[in-house]
Amino acid sequence: MANGDPIEGQVLLIAGAKASVPAHNLAPLVDRVQAQIGPKLDEFRDRFELVFETEEACFFFVGHEQWAVIAHRVDMNDREMDAVRRAHNEQLLRVGRREDRRFEFDAALDIRDCIVIGKETV
């Protein structure tokens, strides 16, 4: 993770493949989203459920509609939005495997999405 980017490279590959967006195209999209939401970390803390936190990032559960709002703000089409959304959800599942919480996170993602916000500034 560099420049505040909260998504690991392997996760970008997986999410990009699932959404038919090459990882080299997905990385800049994730960066654009981070640049837009990174400064709003405190607002996210107030509005959404913080499900997990590391030194590098905060993981929030949000309604599905939140991704449409973000996509509009950073000018992403539906396929790009889906790829970035998948990357954020996959990052949460990866953390869930490490923390032995994958089942819990996977079940929650059936009804909500995850937004990961890097703590470093861009």
PDB file of N, CA and C in Angstrom:
ATOM      1  N   MET A   1       0.847  -1.172   0.000  1.00  0.00           N
ATOM      2  CA  MET A   1       0.000   0.000   0.000  1.00  0.00           C
ATOM      3  C   MET A   1       0.894   1.236   0.000  1.00  0.00           C
ATOM      4  N   ALA A   2       0.698   2.062  -0.974  1.00  0.00           N
ATOM      5  CA  ALA A   2       1.486   3.274  -1.077  1.00  0.00           C
ATOM      6  C   ALA A   2       0.576   4.463  -1.314  1.00  0.00           C
ATOM      7  N   ASN A   3       1.010   5.613  -0.888  1.00  0.00           N
ATOM      8  CA  ASN A   3       0.283   6.850  -1.117  1.00  0.00           C
ATOM      9  C   ASN A   3      -1.151   6.800  -0.598  1.00  0.00           C
ATOM     10  N   GLY A   4      -1.374   6.108   0.504  1.00  0.00           N
ATOM     11  CA  GLY A   4      -2.713   6.047   1.063  1.00  0.00           C
ATOM     12  C   GLY A   4      -3.616   5.017   0.431  1.00  0.00           C
ATOM     13  N   ASP A   5      -3.119   4.302  -0.575  1.00  0.00           N
ATOM     14  CA  ASP A   5      -3.904   3.285  -1.273  1.00  0.00           C
ATOM     15  C   ASP A   5      -4.125   2.099  -0.342  1.00  0.00           C
ATOM     16  N   PRO A   6      -5.377   1.798  -0.009  1.00  0.00           N
ATOM     17  CA  PRO A   6      -5.646   0.747   0.975  1.00  0.00           C
ATOM     18  C   PRO A   6      -5.772  -0.670   0.408  1.00  0.00           C
ATOM     19  N   ILE A   7      -5.615  -0.842  -0.896  1.00  0.00           N
ATOM     20  CA  ILE A   7      -5.874  -2.140  -1.517  1.00  0.00           C
ATOM     21  C   ILE A   7      -4.565  -2.789  -1.959  1.00  0.00           C
ATOM     22  N   GLU A   8      -4.375  -4.041  -1.554  1.00  0.00           N
ATOM     23  CA  GLU A   8      -3.164  -4.792  -1.896  1.00  0.00           C
ATOM     24  C   GLU A   8      -3.173  -5.191  -3.372  1.00  0.00           C
ATOM     25  N   GLY A   9      -1.988  -5.334  -3.947  1.00  0.00           N
ATOM     26  CA  GLY A   9      -1.851  -5.680  -5.359  1.00  0.00           C
ATOM     27  C   GLY A   9      -2.548  -6.964  -5.754  1.00  0.00           C
ATOM     28  N   GLN A  10      -2.417  -8.005  -4.951  1.00  0.00           N
ATOM     29  CA  GLN A  10      -3.074  -9.286  -5.252  1.00  0.00           C
ATOM     30  C   GLN A  10      -4.588  -9.137  -5.270  1.00  0.00           C
ATOM     31  N   VAL A  11      -5.099  -8.308  -4.388  1.00  0.00           N
ATOM     32  CA  VAL A  11      -6.537  -8.057  -4.338  1.00  0.00           C
ATOM     33  C   VAL A  11      -6.982  -7.342  -5.612  1.00  0.00           C
ATOM     34  N   LEU A  12      -6.169  -6.407  -6.106  1.00  0.00           N
ATOM     35  CA  LEU A  12      -6.490  -5.715  -7.361  1.00  0.00           C
ATOM     36  C   LEU A  12      -6.582  -6.705  -8.515  1.00  0.00           C
ATOM     37  N   LEU A  13      -5.679  -7.669  -8.539  1.00  0.00           N
ATOM     38  CA  LEU A  13      -5.708  -8.676  -9.604  1.00  0.00           C
ATOM     39  C   LEU A  13      -6.993  -9.490  -9.564  1.00  0.00           C
ATOM     40  N   ILE A  14      -7.368  -9.932  -8.383  1.00  0.00           N
ATOM     41  CA  ILE A  14      -8.573 -10.745  -8.217  1.00  0.00           C
ATOM     42  C   ILE A  14      -9.827  -9.940  -8.580  1.00  0.00           C
ATOM     43  N   ALA A  15      -9.940  -8.761  -8.016  1.00  0.00           N
ATOM     44  CA  ALA A  15     -11.128  -7.935  -8.265  1.00  0.00           C
ATOM     45  C   ALA A  15     -11.212  -7.519  -9.724  1.00  0.00           C
ATOM     46  N   GLY A  16     -10.083  -7.175 -10.307  1.00  0.00           N
ATOM     47  CA  GLY A  16     -10.076  -6.787 -11.715  1.00  0.00           C
ATOM     48  C   GLY A  16     -10.519  -7.920 -12.615  1.00  0.00           C
ATOM     49  N   ALA A  17     -10.038  -9.123 -12.318  1.00  0.00           N
ATOM     50  CA  ALA A  17     -10.420 -10.289 -13.123  1.00  0.00           C
ATOM     51  C   ALA A  17     -11.920 -10.558 -13.008  1.00  0.00           C
ATOM     52  N   LYS A  18     -12.469 -10.453 -11.816  1.00  0.00           N
ATOM     53  CA  LYS A  18     -13.895 -10.697 -11.614  1.00  0.00           C
ATOM     54  C   LYS A  18     -14.763  -9.646 -12.309  1.00  0.00           C
ATOM     55  N   ALA A  19     -14.251  -8.434 -12.411  1.00  0.00           N
ATOM     56  CA  ALA A  19     -15.030  -7.347 -13.008  1.00  0.00           C
ATOM     57  C   ALA A  19     -14.620  -7.054 -14.452  1.00  0.00           C
ATOM     58  N   SER A  20     -13.714  -7.853 -14.996  1.00  0.00           N
ATOM     59  CA  SER A  20     -13.225  -7.658 -16.367  1.00  0.00           C
ATOM     60  C   SER A  20     -12.585  -6.285 -16.577  1.00  0.00           C
ATOM     61  N   VAL A  21     -11.841  -5.851 -15.569  1.00  0.00           N
ATOM     62  CA  VAL A  21     -11.070  -4.613 -15.652  1.00  0.00           C
ATOM     63  C   VAL A  21      -9.621  -4.973 -15.324  1.00  0.00           C
ATOM     64  N   PRO A  22      -8.682  -4.742 -16.248  1.00  0.00           N
ATOM     65  CA  PRO A  22      -7.284  -5.083 -15.981  1.00  0.00           C
ATOM     66  C   PRO A  22      -6.759  -4.362 -14.733  1.00  0.00           C
ATOM     67  N   ALA A  23      -5.918  -5.053 -13.965  1.00  0.00           N
ATOM     68  CA  ALA A  23      -5.385  -4.484 -12.725  1.00  0.00           C
ATOM     69  C   ALA A  23      -4.673  -3.162 -12.981  1.00  0.00           C
ATOM     70  N   HIS A  24      -3.995  -3.039 -14.132  1.00  0.00           N
ATOM     71  CA  HIS A  24      -3.295  -1.779 -14.395  1.00  0.00           C
ATOM     72  C   HIS A  24      -4.276  -0.631 -14.642  1.00  0.00           C
ATOM     73  N   ASN A  25      -5.511  -0.921 -14.981  1.00  0.00           N
ATOM     74  CA  ASN A  25      -6.551   0.112 -15.083  1.00  0.00           C
ATOM     75  C   ASN A  25      -7.252   0.325 -13.746  1.00  0.00           C
ATOM     76  N   LEU A  26      -7.324  -0.731 -12.959  1.00  0.00           N
ATOM     77  CA  LEU A  26      -8.021  -0.663 -11.676  1.00  0.00           C
ATOM     78  C   LEU A  26      -7.239   0.148 -10.646  1.00  0.00           C
ATOM     79  N   ALA A  27      -5.925   0.008 -10.624  1.00  0.00           N
ATOM     80  CA  ALA A  27      -5.109   0.725  -9.633  1.00  0.00           C
ATOM     81  C   ALA A  27      -5.340   2.236  -9.661  1.00  0.00           C
ATOM     82  N   PRO A  28      -5.339   2.878 -10.836  1.00  0.00           N
ATOM     83  CA  PRO A  28      -5.603   4.326 -10.842  1.00  0.00           C
ATOM     84  C   PRO A  28      -7.018   4.681 -10.379  1.00  0.00           C
ATOM     85  N   LEU A  29      -7.973   3.802 -10.636  1.00  0.00           N
ATOM     86  CA  LEU A  29      -9.343   4.045 -10.163  1.00  0.00           C
ATOM     87  C   LEU A  29      -9.394   4.006  -8.637  1.00  0.00           C
ATOM     88  N   VAL A  30      -8.712   3.028  -8.058  1.00  0.00           N
ATOM     89  CA  VAL A  30      -8.651   2.922  -6.597  1.00  0.00           C
ATOM     90  C   VAL A  30      -7.972   4.160  -6.024  1.00  0.00           C
ATOM     91  N   ASP A  31      -6.932   4.631  -6.692  1.00  0.00           N
ATOM     92  CA  ASP A  31      -6.242   5.841  -6.239  1.00  0.00           C
ATOM     93  C   ASP A  31      -7.176   7.056  -6.279  1.00  0.00           C
ATOM     94  N   ARG A  32      -7.985   7.174  -7.344  1.00  0.00           N
ATOM     95  CA  ARG A  32      -8.925   8.294  -7.452  1.00  0.00           C
ATOM     96  C   ARG A  32      -9.957   8.251  -6.332  1.00  0.00           C
ATOM     97  N   VAL A  33     -10.434   7.045  -6.038  1.00  0.00           N
ATOM     98  CA  VAL A  33     -11.411   6.906  -4.953  1.00  0.00           C
ATOM     99  C   VAL A  33     -10.764   7.280  -3.625  1.00  0.00           C
ATOM    100  N   GLN A  34      -9.552   6.783  -3.379  1.00  0.00           N
ATOM    101  CA  GLN A  34      -8.860   7.104  -2.132  1.00  0.00           C
ATOM    102  C   GLN A  34      -8.650   8.613  -2.007  1.00  0.00           C
ATOM    103  N   ALA A  35      -8.280   9.260  -3.092  1.00  0.00           N
ATOM    104  CA  ALA A  35      -8.068  10.712  -3.053  1.00  0.00           C
ATOM    105  C   ALA A  35      -9.361  11.443  -2.699  1.00  0.00           C
ATOM    106  N   GLN A  36     -10.491  10.886  -3.115  1.00  0.00           N
ATOM    107  CA  GLN A  36     -11.782  11.532  -2.849  1.00  0.00           C
ATOM    108  C   GLN A  36     -12.272  11.251  -1.430  1.00  0.00           C
ATOM    109  N   ILE A  37     -12.120  10.007  -0.961  1.00  0.00           N
ATOM    110  CA  ILE A  37     -12.681   9.657   0.350  1.00  0.00           C
ATOM    111  C   ILE A  37     -11.680   9.757   1.494  1.00  0.00           C
ATOM    112  N   GLY A  38     -10.396   9.724   1.198  1.00  0.00           N
ATOM    113  CA  GLY A  38      -9.377   9.806   2.252  1.00  0.00           C
ATOM    114  C   GLY A  38      -9.566  10.992   3.181  1.00  0.00           C
ATOM    115  N   PRO A  39      -9.779  12.191   2.630  1.00  0.00           N
ATOM    116  CA  PRO A  39      -9.984  13.357   3.497  1.00  0.00           C
ATOM    117  C   PRO A  39     -11.290  13.307   4.292  1.00  0.00           C
ATOM    118  N   LYS A  40     -12.165  12.364   3.971  1.00  0.00           N
ATOM    119  CA  LYS A  40     -13.466  12.267   4.644  1.00  0.00           C
ATOM    120  C   LYS A  40     -13.486  11.157   5.702  1.00  0.00           C
ATOM    121  N   LEU A  41     -12.314  10.726   6.129  1.00  0.00           N
ATOM    122  CA  LEU A  41     -12.242   9.625   7.092  1.00  0.00           C
ATOM    123  C   LEU A  41     -13.065   9.918   8.339  1.00  0.00           C
ATOM    124  N   ASP A  42     -12.953  11.113   8.904  1.00  0.00           N
ATOM    125  CA  ASP A  42     -13.718  11.440  10.116  1.00  0.00           C
ATOM    126  C   ASP A  42     -15.225  11.408   9.857  1.00  0.00           C
ATOM    127  N   GLU A  43     -15.633  11.868   8.685  1.00  0.00           N
ATOM    128  CA  GLU A  43     -17.050  11.813   8.320  1.00  0.00           C
ATOM    129  C   GLU A  43     -17.536  10.366   8.244  1.00  0.00           C
ATOM    130  N   PHE A  44     -16.720   9.487   7.661  1.00  0.00           N
ATOM    131  CA  PHE A  44     -17.083   8.071   7.591  1.00  0.00           C
ATOM    132  C   PHE A  44     -17.166   7.483   8.994  1.00  0.00           C
ATOM    133  N   ARG A  45     -16.264   7.857   9.869  1.00  0.00           N
ATOM    134  CA  ARG A  45     -16.313   7.366  11.257  1.00  0.00           C
ATOM    135  C   ARG A  45     -17.635   7.746  11.925  1.00  0.00           C
ATOM    136  N   ASP A  46     -18.136   8.928  11.610  1.00  0.00           N
ATOM    137  CA  ASP A  46     -19.390   9.392  12.215  1.00  0.00           C
ATOM    138  C   ASP A  46     -20.616   8.741  11.598  1.00  0.00           C
ATOM    139  N   ARG A  47     -20.562   8.417  10.306  1.00  0.00           N
ATOM    140  CA  ARG A  47     -21.764   7.984   9.580  1.00  0.00           C
ATOM    141  C   ARG A  47     -21.913   6.477   9.421  1.00  0.00           C
ATOM    142  N   PHE A  48     -20.781   5.737   9.425  1.00  0.00           N
ATOM    143  CA  PHE A  48     -20.838   4.324   9.066  1.00  0.00           C
ATOM    144  C   PHE A  48     -20.200   3.448  10.138  1.00  0.00           C
ATOM    145  N   GLU A  49     -20.535   2.170  10.070  1.00  0.00           N
ATOM    146  CA  GLU A  49     -20.001   1.206  11.031  1.00  0.00           C
ATOM    147  C   GLU A  49     -18.545   0.885  10.697  1.00  0.00           C
ATOM    148  N   LEU A  50     -17.668   1.173  11.638  1.00  0.00           N
ATOM    149  CA  LEU A  50     -16.253   0.800  11.506  1.00  0.00           C
ATOM    150  C   LEU A  50     -16.141  -0.655  11.936  1.00  0.00           C
ATOM    151  N   VAL A  51     -15.849  -1.522  10.974  1.00  0.00           N
ATOM    152  CA  VAL A  51     -15.843  -2.954  11.258  1.00  0.00           C
ATOM    153  C   VAL A  51     -14.457  -3.469  11.618  1.00  0.00           C
ATOM    154  N   PHE A  52     -13.427  -2.777  11.120  1.00  0.00           N
ATOM    155  CA  PHE A  52     -12.062  -3.208  11.397  1.00  0.00           C
ATOM    156  C   PHE A  52     -11.137  -2.030  11.143  1.00  0.00           C
ATOM    157  N   GLU A  53     -10.035  -1.986  11.900  1.00  0.00           N
ATOM    158  CA  GLU A  53      -9.069  -0.911  11.728  1.00  0.00           C
ATOM    159  C   GLU A  53      -7.657  -1.451  11.907  1.00  0.00           C
ATOM    160  N   THR A  54      -6.773  -1.005  11.043  1.00  0.00           N
ATOM    161  CA  THR A  54      -5.342  -1.314  11.158  1.00  0.00           C
ATOM    162  C   THR A  54      -4.600   0.018  11.249  1.00  0.00           C
ATOM    163  N   GLU A  55      -3.296  -0.051  11.359  1.00  0.00           N
ATOM    164  CA  GLU A  55      -2.506   1.183  11.359  1.00  0.00           C
ATOM    165  C   GLU A  55      -2.616   1.899  10.016  1.00  0.00           C
ATOM    166  N   GLU A  56      -2.874   1.134   8.946  1.00  0.00           N
ATOM    167  CA  GLU A  56      -2.891   1.700   7.602  1.00  0.00           C
ATOM    168  C   GLU A  56      -4.270   2.102   7.100  1.00  0.00           C
ATOM    169  N   ALA A  57      -5.329   1.456   7.598  1.00  0.00           N
ATOM    170  CA  ALA A  57      -6.638   1.673   6.986  1.00  0.00           C
ATOM    171  C   ALA A  57      -7.786   1.409   7.954  1.00  0.00           C
ATOM    172  N   CYS A  58      -8.929   1.993   7.596  1.00  0.00           N
ATOM    173  CA  CYS A  58     -10.193   1.752   8.296  1.00  0.00           C
ATOM    174  C   CYS A  58     -11.155   1.086   7.321  1.00  0.00           C
ATOM    175  N   PHE A  59     -11.884   0.093   7.806  1.00  0.00           N
ATOM    176  CA  PHE A  59     -12.827  -0.682   7.006  1.00  0.00           C
ATOM    177  C   PHE A  59     -14.235  -0.392   7.524  1.00  0.00           C
ATOM    178  N   PHE A  60     -15.087   0.125   6.636  1.00  0.00           N
ATOM    179  CA  PHE A  60     -16.449   0.505   7.011  1.00  0.00           C
ATOM    180  C   PHE A  60     -17.461  -0.319   6.242  1.00  0.00           C
ATOM    181  N   PHE A  61     -18.574  -0.674   6.909  1.00  0.00           N
ATOM    182  CA  PHE A  61     -19.721  -1.230   6.209  1.00  0.00           C
ATOM    183  C   PHE A  61     -20.615  -0.073   5.792  1.00  0.00           C
ATOM    184  N   VAL A  62     -21.027  -0.099   4.532  1.00  0.00           N
ATOM    185  CA  VAL A  62     -21.883   0.954   3.976  1.00  0.00           C
ATOM    186  C   VAL A  62     -22.981   0.311   3.153  1.00  0.00           C
ATOM    187  N   GLY A  63     -24.026   1.059   2.890  1.00  0.00           N
ATOM    188  CA  GLY A  63     -25.076   0.594   1.998  1.00  0.00           C
ATOM    189  C   GLY A  63     -24.569   0.556   0.569  1.00  0.00           C
ATOM    190  N   HIS A  64     -25.185  -0.293  -0.242  1.00  0.00           N
ATOM    191  CA  HIS A  64     -24.762  -0.436  -1.639  1.00  0.00           C
ATOM    192  C   HIS A  64     -24.799   0.888  -2.398  1.00  0.00           C
ATOM    193  N   GLU A  65     -25.738   1.749  -2.038  1.00  0.00           N
ATOM    194  CA  GLU A  65     -25.890   3.021  -2.747  1.00  0.00           C
ATOM    195  C   GLU A  65     -24.693   3.950  -2.569  1.00  0.00           C
ATOM    196  N   GLN A  66     -23.911   3.737  -1.527  1.00  0.00           N
ATOM    197  CA  GLN A  66     -22.756   4.617  -1.281  1.00  0.00           C
ATOM    198  C   GLN A  66     -21.746   4.552  -2.432  1.00  0.00           C
ATOM    199  N   TRP A  67     -21.632   3.386  -3.065  1.00  0.00           N
ATOM    200  CA  TRP A  67     -20.701   3.277  -4.189  1.00  0.00           C
ATOM    201  C   TRP A  67     -21.165   4.090  -5.384  1.00  0.00           C
ATOM    202  N   ALA A  68     -22.464   4.200  -5.597  1.00  0.00           N
ATOM    203  CA  ALA A  68     -22.964   5.032  -6.700  1.00  0.00           C
ATOM    204  C   ALA A  68     -22.630   6.497  -6.459  1.00  0.00           C
ATOM    205  N   VAL A  69     -22.715   6.934  -5.223  1.00  0.00           N
ATOM    206  CA  VAL A  69     -22.362   8.310  -4.867  1.00  0.00           C
ATOM    207  C   VAL A  69     -20.883   8.557  -5.162  1.00  0.00           C
ATOM    208  N   ILE A  70     -20.038   7.649  -4.731  1.00  0.00           N
ATOM    209  CA  ILE A  70     -18.594   7.805  -4.964  1.00  0.00           C
ATOM    210  C   ILE A  70     -18.278   7.759  -6.451  1.00  0.00           C
ATOM    211  N   ALA A  71     -18.892   6.827  -7.166  1.00  0.00           N
ATOM    212  CA  ALA A  71     -18.641   6.701  -8.608  1.00  0.00           C
ATOM    213  C   ALA A  71     -18.987   7.993  -9.329  1.00  0.00           C
ATOM    214  N   HIS A  72     -20.076   8.611  -8.946  1.00  0.00           N
ATOM    215  CA  HIS A  72     -20.472   9.877  -9.561  1.00  0.00           C
ATOM    216  C   HIS A  72     -19.426  10.962  -9.276  1.00  0.00           C
ATOM    217  N   ARG A  73     -18.935  11.013  -8.040  1.00  0.00           N
ATOM    218  CA  ARG A  73     -17.967  12.049  -7.654  1.00  0.00           C
ATOM    219  C   ARG A  73     -16.626  11.908  -8.364  1.00  0.00           C
ATOM    220  N   VAL A  74     -16.229  10.680  -8.665  1.00  0.00           N
ATOM    221  CA  VAL A  74     -14.917  10.483  -9.322  1.00  0.00           C
ATOM    222  C   VAL A  74     -15.070  10.120 -10.797  1.00  0.00           C
ATOM    223  N   ASP A  75     -16.295  10.222 -11.318  1.00  0.00           N
ATOM    224  CA  ASP A  75     -16.564  10.008 -12.738  1.00  0.00           C
ATOM    225  C   ASP A  75     -16.141   8.614 -13.221  1.00  0.00           C
ATOM    226  N   MET A  76     -16.731   7.592 -12.588  1.00  0.00           N
ATOM    227  CA  MET A  76     -16.499   6.204 -12.994  1.00  0.00           C
ATOM    228  C   MET A  76     -17.766   5.652 -13.622  1.00  0.00           C
ATOM    229  N   ASN A  77     -17.603   4.806 -14.643  1.00  0.00           N
ATOM    230  CA  ASN A  77     -18.772   4.133 -15.211  1.00  0.00           C
ATOM    231  C   ASN A  77     -19.132   2.934 -14.326  1.00  0.00           C
ATOM    232  N   ASP A  78     -20.228   2.248 -14.665  1.00  0.00           N
ATOM    233  CA  ASP A  78     -20.708   1.151 -13.819  1.00  0.00           C
ATOM    234  C   ASP A  78     -19.700   0.015 -13.691  1.00  0.00           C
ATOM    235  N   ARG A  79     -19.025  -0.336 -14.772  1.00  0.00           N
ATOM    236  CA  ARG A  79     -18.049  -1.434 -14.721  1.00  0.00           C
ATOM    237  C   ARG A  79     -16.859  -1.057 -13.847  1.00  0.00           C
ATOM    238  N   GLU A  80     -16.392   0.177 -13.978  1.00  0.00           N
ATOM    239  CA  GLU A  80     -15.283   0.643 -13.143  1.00  0.00           C
ATOM    240  C   GLU A  80     -15.683   0.677 -11.676  1.00  0.00           C
ATOM    241  N   MET A  81     -16.894   1.166 -11.412  1.00  0.00           N
ATOM    242  CA  MET A  81     -17.387   1.206 -10.041  1.00  0.00           C
ATOM    243  C   MET A  81     -17.471  -0.205  -9.459  1.00  0.00           C
ATOM    244  N   ASP A  82     -17.977  -1.138 -10.245  1.00  0.00           N
ATOM    245  CA  ASP A  82     -18.080  -2.516  -9.783  1.00  0.00           C
ATOM    246  C   ASP A  82     -16.701  -3.084  -9.453  1.00  0.00           C
ATOM    247  N   ALA A  83     -15.716  -2.785 -10.274  1.00  0.00           N
ATOM    248  CA  ALA A  83     -14.363  -3.291 -10.028  1.00  0.00           C
ATOM    249  C   ALA A  83     -13.776  -2.717  -8.744  1.00  0.00           C
ATOM    250  N   VAL A  84     -13.947  -1.416  -8.527  1.00  0.00           N
ATOM    251  CA  VAL A  84     -13.418  -0.795  -7.307  1.00  0.00           C
ATOM    252  C   VAL A  84     -14.177  -1.313  -6.087  1.00  0.00           C
ATOM    253  N   ARG A  85     -15.482  -1.441  -6.204  1.00  0.00           N
ATOM    254  CA  ARG A  85     -16.289  -1.979  -5.097  1.00  0.00           C
ATOM    255  C   ARG A  85     -15.829  -3.391  -4.742  1.00  0.00           C
ATOM    256  N   ARG A  86     -15.610  -4.211  -5.769  1.00  0.00           N
ATOM    257  CA  ARG A  86     -15.126  -5.577  -5.535  1.00  0.00           C
ATOM    258  C   ARG A  86     -13.758  -5.570  -4.860  1.00  0.00           C
ATOM    259  N   ALA A  87     -12.901  -4.648  -5.262  1.00  0.00           N
ATOM    260  CA  ALA A  87     -11.564  -4.570  -4.655  1.00  0.00           C
ATOM    261  C   ALA A  87     -11.669  -4.261  -3.164  1.00  0.00           C
ATOM    262  N   HIS A  88     -12.521  -3.332  -2.812  1.00  0.00           N
ATOM    263  CA  HIS A  88     -12.691  -2.990  -1.396  1.00  0.00           C
ATOM    264  C   HIS A  88     -13.280  -4.167  -0.618  1.00  0.00           C
ATOM    265  N   ASN A  89     -14.285  -4.826  -1.190  1.00  0.00           N
ATOM    266  CA  ASN A  89     -14.873  -5.988  -0.523  1.00  0.00           C
ATOM    267  C   ASN A  89     -13.861  -7.122  -0.395  1.00  0.00           C
ATOM    268  N   GLU A  90     -13.095  -7.372  -1.441  1.00  0.00           N
ATOM    269  CA  GLU A  90     -12.073  -8.432  -1.409  1.00  0.00           C
ATOM    270  C   GLU A  90     -10.994  -8.125  -0.368  1.00  0.00           C
ATOM    271  N   GLN A  91     -10.652  -6.840  -0.219  1.00  0.00           N
ATOM    272  CA  GLN A  91      -9.645  -6.475   0.791  1.00  0.00           C
ATOM    273  C   GLN A  91     -10.160  -6.825   2.186  1.00  0.00           C
ATOM    274  N   LEU A  92     -11.439  -6.565   2.431  1.00  0.00           N
ATOM    275  CA  LEU A  92     -12.022  -6.932   3.724  1.00  0.00           C
ATOM    276  C   LEU A  92     -11.978  -8.443   3.926  1.00  0.00           C
ATOM    277  N   LEU A  93     -12.300  -9.214   2.886  1.00  0.00           N
ATOM    278  CA  LEU A  93     -12.262 -10.675   3.015  1.00  0.00           C
ATOM    279  C   LEU A  93     -10.851 -11.168   3.276  1.00  0.00           C
ATOM    280  N   ARG A  94      -9.865 -10.538   2.659  1.00  0.00           N
ATOM    281  CA  ARG A  94      -8.469 -10.916   2.902  1.00  0.00           C
ATOM    282  C   ARG A  94      -8.101 -10.672   4.364  1.00  0.00           C
ATOM    283  N   VAL A  95      -8.510  -9.520   4.894  1.00  0.00           N
ATOM    284  CA  VAL A  95      -8.273  -9.234   6.312  1.00  0.00           C
ATOM    285  C   VAL A  95      -9.036 -10.244   7.169  1.00  0.00           C
ATOM    286  N   GLY A  96     -10.240 -10.583   6.742  1.00  0.00           N
ATOM    287  CA  GLY A  96     -11.039 -11.553   7.482  1.00  0.00           C
ATOM    288  C   GLY A  96     -10.364 -12.906   7.587  1.00  0.00           C
ATOM    289  N   ARG A  97      -9.689 -13.327   6.521  1.00  0.00           N
ATOM    290  CA  ARG A  97      -8.947 -14.599   6.579  1.00  0.00           C
ATOM    291  C   ARG A  97      -7.809 -14.507   7.591  1.00  0.00           C
ATOM    292  N   ARG A  98      -7.103 -13.410   7.585  1.00  0.00           N
ATOM    293  CA  ARG A  98      -5.972 -13.223   8.509  1.00  0.00           C
ATOM    294  C   ARG A  98      -6.438 -13.175   9.958  1.00  0.00           C
ATOM    295  N   GLU A  99      -7.600 -12.594  10.191  1.00  0.00           N
ATOM    296  CA  GLU A  99      -8.104 -12.376  11.546  1.00  0.00           C
ATOM    297  C   GLU A  99      -9.097 -13.454  11.992  1.00  0.00           C
ATOM    298  N   ASP A 100      -9.264 -14.483  11.183  1.00  0.00           N
ATOM    299  CA  ASP A 100     -10.219 -15.548  11.449  1.00  0.00           C
ATOM    300  C   ASP A 100     -11.638 -14.998  11.602  1.00  0.00           C
ATOM    301  N   ARG A 101     -11.996 -14.056  10.708  1.00  0.00           N
ATOM    302  CA  ARG A 101     -13.329 -13.450  10.708  1.00  0.00           C
ATOM    303  C   ARG A 101     -13.946 -13.491   9.312  1.00  0.00           C
ATOM    304  N   ARG A 102     -13.401 -14.328   8.437  1.00  0.00           N
ATOM    305  CA  ARG A 102     -13.869 -14.344   7.057  1.00  0.00           C
ATOM    306  C   ARG A 102     -15.369 -14.654   6.966  1.00  0.00           C
ATOM    307  N   PHE A 103     -15.836 -15.656   7.710  1.00  0.00           N
ATOM    308  CA  PHE A 103     -17.250 -16.021   7.648  1.00  0.00           C
ATOM    309  C   PHE A 103     -18.129 -14.836   8.044  1.00  0.00           C
ATOM    310  N   GLU A 104     -17.759 -14.155   9.104  1.00  0.00           N
ATOM    311  CA  GLU A 104     -18.506 -12.990   9.580  1.00  0.00           C
ATOM    312  C   GLU A 104     -18.547 -11.895   8.510  1.00  0.00           C
ATOM    313  N   PHE A 105     -17.397 -11.578   7.921  1.00  0.00           N
ATOM    314  CA  PHE A 105     -17.329 -10.525   6.911  1.00  0.00           C
ATOM    315  C   PHE A 105     -18.053 -10.935   5.640  1.00  0.00           C
ATOM    316  N   ASP A 106     -17.884 -12.181   5.241  1.00  0.00           N
ATOM    317  CA  ASP A 106     -18.535 -12.671   4.031  1.00  0.00           C
ATOM    318  C   ASP A 106     -20.055 -12.586   4.162  1.00  0.00           C
ATOM    319  N   ALA A 107     -20.566 -12.979   5.319  1.00  0.00           N
ATOM    320  CA  ALA A 107     -22.014 -12.910   5.550  1.00  0.00           C
ATOM    321  C   ALA A 107     -22.501 -11.465   5.521  1.00  0.00           C
ATOM    322  N   ALA A 108     -21.745 -10.562   6.107  1.00  0.00           N
ATOM    323  CA  ALA A 108     -22.136  -9.152   6.132  1.00  0.00           C
ATOM    324  C   ALA A 108     -22.146  -8.554   4.729  1.00  0.00           C
ATOM    325  N   LEU A 109     -21.233  -9.002   3.868  1.00  0.00           N
ATOM    326  CA  LEU A 109     -21.161  -8.467   2.508  1.00  0.00           C
ATOM    327  C   LEU A 109     -22.330  -8.911   1.638  1.00  0.00           C
ATOM    328  N   ASP A 110     -23.145  -9.833   2.132  1.00  0.00           N
ATOM    329  CA  ASP A 110     -24.362 -10.211   1.407  1.00  0.00           C
ATOM    330  C   ASP A 110     -25.382  -9.071   1.415  1.00  0.00           C
ATOM    331  N   ILE A 111     -25.327  -8.227   2.442  1.00  0.00           N
ATOM    332  CA  ILE A 111     -26.325  -7.159   2.561  1.00  0.00           C
ATOM    333  C   ILE A 111     -25.724  -5.761   2.545  1.00  0.00           C
ATOM    334  N   ARG A 112     -24.413  -5.661   2.643  1.00  0.00           N
ATOM    335  CA  ARG A 112     -23.745  -4.365   2.646  1.00  0.00           C
ATOM    336  C   ARG A 112     -22.472  -4.462   1.820  1.00  0.00           C
ATOM    337  N   ASP A 113     -21.829  -3.345   1.627  1.00  0.00           N
ATOM    338  CA  ASP A 113     -20.522  -3.290   0.980  1.00  0.00           C
ATOM    339  C   ASP A 113     -19.514  -2.755   1.974  1.00  0.00           C
ATOM    340  N   CYS A 114     -18.268  -2.856   1.579  1.00  0.00           N
ATOM    341  CA  CYS A 114     -17.187  -2.323   2.390  1.00  0.00           C
ATOM    342  C   CYS A 114     -16.526  -1.176   1.646  1.00  0.00           C
ATOM    343  N   ILE A 115     -16.148  -0.179   2.388  1.00  0.00           N
ATOM    344  CA  ILE A 115     -15.274   0.873   1.875  1.00  0.00           C
ATOM    345  C   ILE A 115     -14.065   0.905   2.792  1.00  0.00           C
ATOM    346  N   VAL A 116     -12.907   0.799   2.175  1.00  0.00           N
ATOM    347  CA  VAL A 116     -11.639   0.832   2.904  1.00  0.00           C
ATOM    348  C   VAL A 116     -11.009   2.187   2.646  1.00  0.00           C
ATOM    349  N   ILE A 117     -10.654   2.871   3.715  1.00  0.00           N
ATOM    350  CA  ILE A 117     -10.022   4.185   3.577  1.00  0.00           C
ATOM    351  C   ILE A 117      -8.629   4.120   4.176  1.00  0.00           C
ATOM    352  N   GLY A 118      -7.637   4.377   3.343  1.00  0.00           N
ATOM    353  CA  GLY A 118      -6.268   4.428   3.816  1.00  0.00           C
ATOM    354  C   GLY A 118      -6.061   5.645   4.708  1.00  0.00           C
ATOM    355  N   LYS A 119      -5.241   5.476   5.728  1.00  0.00           N
ATOM    356  CA  LYS A 119      -4.993   6.562   6.674  1.00  0.00           C
ATOM    357  C   LYS A 119      -3.895   7.502   6.227  1.00  0.00           C
ATOM    358  N   GLU A 120      -3.027   7.053   5.345  1.00  0.00           N
ATOM    359  CA  GLU A 120      -1.954   7.919   4.856  1.00  0.00           C
ATOM    360  C   GLU A 120      -2.551   8.952   3.921  1.00  0.00           C
ATOM    361  N   THR A 121      -1.948  10.101   3.860  1.00  0.00           N
ATOM    362  CA  THR A 121      -2.429  11.114   2.928  1.00  0.00           C
ATOM    363  C   THR A 121      -1.828  10.881   1.564  1.00  0.00           C
ATOM    364  N   VAL A 122      -2.588  11.234   0.541  1.00  0.00           N
ATOM    365  CA  VAL A 122      -2.143  11.045  -0.834  1.00  0.00           C
ATOM    366  C   VAL A 122      -1.239  12.183  -1.235  1.00  0.00           C
TER     367      VAL A 122
END
